[in-house]
Amino acid sequence: MARVSVMQTEERRAGVRGALAALAENPVKNKAVLVKPNFNTADPAPGSTHNDTLTALVDQLWEMGAASIRLGERSYTPTHQVMQQKGVGALLEERQVQVIDFDDLAPGDWVLCRPADTHWNDGFRVARPILEAECLVSTGCLKTHQFGGVITLSLKLHVGVVPAFRNGFAYMQELHGSPYQQEMIAEINAPFSPALIVMDGIDTFVDGGPATGKRIKGNVMLAATDRVAVDAVGVAMLKHLGSNPAVMEPGIFELRQIKRAAELGIGVRSTSDIDLVPADDASAGLSAALEKILSRG
């Protein structure tokens, strides 16, 4: 069983703290941690990771005993511009977090991965810091994706570990031009495994996304160690809030990102393998509602 903690709150710092406490797992103690945020663009949350969520997570990681913390990202526009627009530089510096701009990686630090079973034509490249991270922590946003991905949760978050263009090939052009985009998103996740995932659903896009969309209050923070499990619960939350037909109509494990990830053994294989844990009494009602949606498969 994969535990997913559910914290119902309007406040991000309390949400991060409560979700991690309820998860009752500490994979970061004495580890060199690499944080992967959602900084594809600098759009306000859920278009990108909210600064309050990021700083709350970093503070909690230090409290949990992380030996060191770095942050690594590749954005849609130049990564340094996105971070500058978000104003995270000083916030990270004062928390002793080193930033790795994947745009600055040498060609040899984009490692070619050629799985035997993939929809990528000739494999894909992954940033070496991701593959070599002693402890990877991923933090994404709860939202839909209007450009073929359908959902953008923890699996889709990791598109940012693949280059847009490197070594003479346009990887994002292949991804977004393929009818198998959703399967390819899942396949990106096969070469590495985050030790911890925190998903911010305080604000959500129930349609549109990933940068802008139909925004409503979700008032939830999720935490897990299993990408497929947390994405399944994220989809249940989108269904609970009322999303678009591409999310509302299929079963959770019929969504192609999740189905493919389950096939590859990236995480749980069905909703029956997920154990929802409410963070407090105030979160119990929402957890029960999500459990009911999960039970439908």
Protein backbone atom coordinates (compact mmCIF):
# COMPACT_ATOMS: atom_id res chain seq x y z
CA MET A 1 0.00 0.00 0.00
CA ALA A 2 1.19 3.51 -0.85
CA ARG A 3 0.31 6.20 1.68
CA VAL A 4 -0.92 9.59 0.46
CA SER A 5 -1.56 12.22 3.12
CA VAL A 6 -4.34 14.76 2.66
CA MET A 7 -4.21 18.15 4.39
CA GLN A 8 -7.20 20.44 3.87
CA THR A 9 -6.11 24.03 4.43
CA GLU A 10 -6.07 27.48 2.89
CA GLU A 11 -2.53 28.16 4.11
CA ARG A 12 0.48 26.74 2.29
CA ARG A 13 3.01 26.64 5.10
CA ALA A 14 0.55 24.82 7.35
CA GLY A 15 -0.34 22.53 4.45
CA VAL A 16 3.24 21.45 3.76
CA ARG A 17 3.94 20.93 7.44
CA GLY A 18 0.71 19.01 8.08
CA ALA A 19 0.90 16.81 4.98
CA LEU A 20 4.49 15.78 5.71
CA ALA A 21 3.74 15.10 9.38
CA ALA A 22 0.77 12.91 8.45
CA LEU A 23 2.79 10.98 5.88
CA ALA A 24 5.10 9.95 8.74
CA GLU A 25 8.02 9.17 6.42
CA ASN A 26 11.48 10.73 6.54
CA PRO A 27 13.56 9.69 3.52
CA VAL A 28 15.69 12.88 3.63
CA LYS A 29 17.49 12.52 6.97
CA ASN A 30 21.27 12.84 6.51
CA LYS A 31 20.82 12.87 2.72
CA ALA A 32 21.91 15.30 0.02
CA VAL A 33 18.54 16.50 -1.26
CA LEU A 34 17.72 17.78 -4.73
CA VAL A 35 14.39 19.61 -5.03
CA LYS A 36 12.58 19.64 -8.39
CA PRO A 37 9.90 22.39 -8.43
CA ASN A 38 7.37 23.40 -11.09
CA PHE A 39 9.15 26.39 -12.62
CA ASN A 40 8.21 25.77 -16.26
CA THR A 41 7.06 29.40 -16.33
CA ALA A 42 6.79 32.18 -13.74
CA ASP A 43 2.98 32.30 -13.88
CA PRO A 44 1.19 32.55 -10.52
CA ALA A 45 0.30 29.30 -8.77
CA PRO A 46 -0.82 26.85 -9.92
CA GLY A 47 1.01 27.99 -13.07
CA SER A 48 4.21 27.49 -11.07
CA THR A 49 5.24 26.46 -7.58
CA HIS A 50 4.19 29.13 -5.09
CA ASN A 51 7.13 30.68 -3.27
CA ASP A 52 5.43 29.98 0.08
CA THR A 53 5.15 26.28 -0.78
CA LEU A 54 8.78 26.14 -1.85
CA THR A 55 10.17 27.90 1.20
CA ALA A 56 7.93 25.91 3.55
CA LEU A 57 9.15 22.69 1.95
CA VAL A 58 12.80 23.72 2.20
CA ASP A 59 12.35 24.69 5.85
CA GLN A 60 10.73 21.32 6.59
CA LEU A 61 13.49 19.43 4.79
CA TRP A 62 16.09 21.13 6.97
CA GLU A 63 14.01 20.29 10.06
CA MET A 64 13.79 16.67 8.88
CA GLY A 65 17.58 16.51 8.91
CA ALA A 66 18.63 16.97 5.28
CA ALA A 67 22.42 17.11 5.00
CA SER A 68 22.27 19.58 2.10
CA ILE A 69 19.65 20.98 -0.26
CA ARG A 70 19.95 21.93 -3.92
CA LEU A 71 17.25 22.95 -6.38
CA GLY A 72 17.39 21.95 -10.04
CA GLU A 73 15.16 22.96 -12.94
CA ARG A 74 14.82 23.44 -16.69
CA SER A 75 12.15 25.98 -17.63
CA TYR A 76 10.25 26.64 -20.86
CA THR A 77 11.86 30.08 -21.21
CA PRO A 78 15.44 30.55 -19.92
CA THR A 79 15.47 29.12 -16.42
CA HIS A 80 17.38 32.01 -14.83
CA GLN A 81 14.73 34.43 -16.16
CA VAL A 82 11.89 32.39 -14.64
CA MET A 83 13.63 32.26 -11.27
CA GLN A 84 14.35 35.97 -11.45
CA GLN A 85 10.72 36.75 -12.27
CA LYS A 86 9.58 34.61 -9.36
CA GLY A 87 12.04 36.25 -7.00
CA VAL A 88 13.28 32.99 -5.51
CA GLY A 89 17.00 33.74 -5.59
CA ALA A 90 17.24 35.55 -2.27
CA LEU A 91 14.74 33.17 -0.63
CA LEU A 92 16.87 30.17 -1.56
CA GLU A 93 20.18 31.84 -0.74
CA GLU A 94 19.10 32.73 2.77
CA ARG A 95 18.05 29.09 3.24
CA GLN A 96 21.43 27.83 2.00
CA VAL A 97 19.97 26.18 -1.09
CA GLN A 98 22.25 25.89 -4.12
CA VAL A 99 20.53 26.38 -7.50
CA ILE A 100 21.41 24.16 -10.46
CA ASP A 101 20.23 25.73 -13.71
CA PHE A 102 19.88 22.78 -16.07
CA ASP A 103 20.26 25.21 -18.99
CA ASP A 104 23.92 25.51 -17.98
CA LEU A 105 24.66 21.79 -17.95
CA ALA A 106 27.38 20.58 -20.30
CA PRO A 107 26.21 18.38 -23.20
CA GLY A 108 27.66 15.33 -21.46
CA ASP A 109 25.51 16.00 -18.40
CA TRP A 110 22.34 15.26 -20.37
CA VAL A 111 22.39 11.48 -20.09
CA LEU A 112 20.82 9.50 -22.93
CA CYS A 113 18.26 6.95 -21.75
CA ARG A 114 17.13 4.32 -24.26
CA PRO A 115 14.59 2.04 -22.59
CA ALA A 116 13.78 -1.12 -24.51
CA ASP A 117 10.06 -0.37 -24.34
CA THR A 118 9.36 3.29 -25.15
CA HIS A 119 7.34 5.55 -27.44
CA TRP A 120 10.32 7.91 -27.82
CA ASN A 121 11.87 7.44 -31.26
CA ASP A 122 15.46 7.23 -30.05
CA GLY A 123 15.21 7.56 -26.29
CA PHE A 124 15.44 10.79 -24.29
CA ARG A 125 17.99 12.63 -22.18
CA VAL A 126 17.78 13.29 -18.44
CA ALA A 127 19.75 15.86 -16.44
CA ARG A 128 22.60 14.07 -14.67
CA PRO A 129 21.88 15.76 -11.29
CA ILE A 130 18.45 14.08 -11.30
CA LEU A 131 19.86 10.63 -12.03
CA GLU A 132 22.64 10.99 -9.46
CA ALA A 133 20.62 12.67 -6.70
CA GLU A 134 20.99 10.88 -3.40
CA CYS A 135 17.49 12.03 -2.45
CA LEU A 136 15.12 13.62 -4.98
CA VAL A 137 12.16 15.63 -3.67
CA SER A 138 9.56 16.78 -6.20
CA THR A 139 6.97 19.47 -5.64
CA GLY A 140 4.27 20.15 -8.22
CA CYS A 141 0.88 21.76 -8.63
CA LEU A 142 -2.59 20.27 -9.03
CA LYS A 143 -3.89 21.14 -12.49
CA THR A 144 -5.00 20.11 -15.93
CA HIS A 145 -3.04 20.34 -19.18
CA GLN A 146 -4.67 21.67 -22.33
CA PHE A 147 -1.89 20.74 -24.79
CA GLY A 148 -2.29 16.97 -24.92
CA GLY A 149 -1.15 15.93 -21.47
CA VAL A 150 -4.67 16.10 -19.92
CA ILE A 151 -3.23 16.32 -16.39
CA THR A 152 -0.03 17.87 -15.06
CA LEU A 153 0.76 16.43 -11.65
CA SER A 154 3.90 14.68 -10.39
CA LEU A 155 4.59 12.57 -13.50
CA LYS A 156 4.22 15.55 -15.85
CA LEU A 157 6.34 17.69 -13.51
CA HIS A 158 9.36 15.66 -14.55
CA VAL A 159 9.23 16.76 -18.18
CA GLY A 160 11.49 19.50 -16.81
CA VAL A 161 14.33 17.01 -16.33
CA VAL A 162 14.48 16.47 -20.12
CA PRO A 163 16.06 19.18 -22.31
CA ALA A 164 14.06 21.19 -24.80
CA PHE A 165 16.90 20.97 -27.32
CA ARG A 166 20.26 19.32 -26.77
CA ASN A 167 22.84 17.35 -28.73
CA GLY A 168 21.21 18.35 -32.01
CA PHE A 169 17.70 17.15 -31.19
CA ALA A 170 14.44 18.92 -30.20
CA TYR A 171 13.07 16.68 -27.46
CA MET A 172 10.10 18.86 -26.55
CA GLN A 173 9.12 19.12 -30.20
CA GLU A 174 9.02 15.34 -30.42
CA LEU A 175 7.04 15.07 -27.18
CA HIS A 176 4.39 17.64 -28.00
CA GLY A 177 4.04 16.48 -31.60
CA SER A 178 3.48 12.83 -30.74
CA PRO A 179 0.08 11.11 -30.43
CA TYR A 180 1.74 9.18 -27.58
CA GLN A 181 2.55 12.28 -25.52
CA GLN A 182 0.89 10.92 -22.39
CA GLU A 183 2.76 7.61 -22.55
CA MET A 184 6.03 9.44 -23.21
CA ILE A 185 5.46 11.61 -20.13
CA ALA A 186 5.18 8.48 -18.00
CA GLU A 187 8.27 6.95 -19.62
CA ILE A 188 10.42 9.95 -18.67
CA ASN A 189 9.92 8.89 -15.05
CA ALA A 190 11.35 5.38 -15.41
CA PRO A 191 15.10 6.12 -14.90
CA PHE A 192 14.76 7.82 -11.49
CA SER A 193 12.53 7.80 -8.42
CA PRO A 194 11.72 10.71 -6.09
CA ALA A 195 11.92 9.85 -2.41
CA LEU A 196 9.19 12.37 -1.58
CA ILE A 197 6.47 14.25 -3.47
CA VAL A 198 4.53 17.27 -2.22
CA MET A 199 1.63 18.50 -4.36
CA ASP A 200 0.07 21.94 -3.86
CA GLY A 201 -3.66 22.07 -4.57
CA ILE A 202 -4.47 25.24 -2.64
CA ASP A 203 -5.20 26.79 -6.04
CA THR A 204 -5.96 24.51 -8.98
CA PHE A 205 -6.71 24.64 -12.69
CA VAL A 206 -9.69 22.40 -13.41
CA ASP A 207 -9.47 23.28 -17.10
CA GLY A 208 -6.75 24.79 -19.26
CA GLY A 209 -3.27 24.74 -17.80
CA PRO A 210 -0.41 24.38 -17.37
CA ALA A 211 0.41 28.11 -17.20
CA THR A 212 -3.10 29.61 -17.13
CA GLY A 213 -6.57 28.16 -16.90
CA LYS A 214 -9.85 27.97 -15.01
CA ARG A 215 -8.68 28.60 -11.47
CA ILE A 216 -10.59 27.51 -8.40
CA LYS A 217 -9.70 26.94 -4.75
CA GLY A 218 -8.81 23.33 -3.97
CA ASN A 219 -7.48 24.06 -0.48
CA VAL A 220 -5.52 20.83 -0.24
CA MET A 221 -1.91 19.75 0.12
CA LEU A 222 -0.89 16.16 -0.67
CA ALA A 223 2.28 14.26 0.21
CA ALA A 224 3.47 10.80 -0.84
CA THR A 225 6.47 8.71 -1.79
CA ASP A 226 4.75 7.15 -4.83
CA ARG A 227 4.22 9.22 -8.00
CA VAL A 228 1.39 7.11 -9.40
CA ALA A 229 -0.46 7.09 -6.09
CA VAL A 230 -0.26 10.85 -5.58
CA ASP A 231 -1.30 11.49 -9.19
CA ALA A 232 -4.27 9.15 -8.79
CA VAL A 233 -5.34 11.09 -5.70
CA GLY A 234 -4.73 14.34 -7.61
CA VAL A 235 -7.09 13.16 -10.35
CA ALA A 236 -9.64 12.20 -7.70
CA MET A 237 -9.36 15.75 -6.37
CA LEU A 238 -9.91 17.21 -9.85
CA LYS A 239 -12.98 14.99 -10.22
CA HIS A 240 -14.17 16.13 -6.77
CA LEU A 241 -13.83 19.78 -7.80
CA GLY A 242 -15.43 19.27 -11.23
CA SER A 243 -12.99 19.26 -14.13
CA ASN A 244 -13.20 18.93 -17.92
CA PRO A 245 -14.55 15.83 -19.72
CA ALA A 246 -11.05 14.46 -20.41
CA VAL A 247 -10.58 14.15 -16.62
CA MET A 248 -14.16 13.49 -15.50
CA GLU A 249 -15.15 10.71 -17.91
CA PRO A 250 -12.36 8.07 -17.78
CA GLY A 251 -11.55 5.96 -14.77
CA ILE A 252 -8.45 7.15 -12.95
CA PHE A 253 -6.25 4.32 -14.19
CA GLU A 254 -7.68 4.69 -17.68
CA LEU A 255 -5.90 8.05 -17.99
CA ARG A 256 -2.96 7.23 -20.21
CA GLN A 257 -0.23 8.91 -18.13
CA ILE A 258 -1.26 6.92 -15.08
CA LYS A 259 -1.97 3.70 -16.96
CA ARG A 260 1.45 3.73 -18.63
CA ALA A 261 3.28 4.58 -15.41
CA ALA A 262 1.54 1.68 -13.67
CA GLU A 263 2.49 -0.66 -16.54
CA LEU A 264 6.13 0.35 -16.13
CA GLY A 265 6.10 -0.30 -12.39
CA ILE A 266 6.77 3.33 -11.54
CA GLY A 267 4.17 3.18 -8.77
CA VAL A 268 0.98 1.49 -7.64
CA ARG A 269 -1.08 -0.45 -10.17
CA SER A 270 -4.60 0.34 -8.95
CA THR A 271 -6.55 2.62 -6.64
CA SER A 272 -6.96 -0.28 -4.20
CA ASP A 273 -3.22 0.01 -3.48
CA ILE A 274 -3.59 3.56 -2.11
CA ASP A 275 -3.97 4.33 1.60
CA LEU A 276 -5.35 7.84 2.19
CA VAL A 277 -4.30 9.44 5.47
CA PRO A 278 -6.09 12.62 6.62
CA ALA A 279 -3.68 15.02 8.30
CA ASP A 280 -6.18 16.10 10.95
CA ASP A 281 -9.88 15.97 11.85
CA ALA A 282 -10.63 18.90 9.53
CA SER A 283 -9.21 16.90 6.61
CA ALA A 284 -11.19 13.71 7.31
CA GLY A 285 -14.26 14.73 5.29
CA LEU A 286 -12.26 15.56 2.18
CA SER A 287 -10.22 12.37 2.57
CA ALA A 288 -13.45 10.34 2.73
CA ALA A 289 -14.78 12.05 -0.40
CA LEU A 290 -11.57 11.28 -2.28
CA GLU A 291 -11.63 7.68 -1.02
CA LYS A 292 -15.11 7.28 -2.49
CA ILE A 293 -13.93 8.53 -5.88
CA LEU A 294 -10.87 6.27 -5.76
CA SER A 295 -13.10 3.28 -4.99
CA ARG A 296 -14.75 3.68 -8.40
CA GLY A 297 -11.40 2.88 -10.03
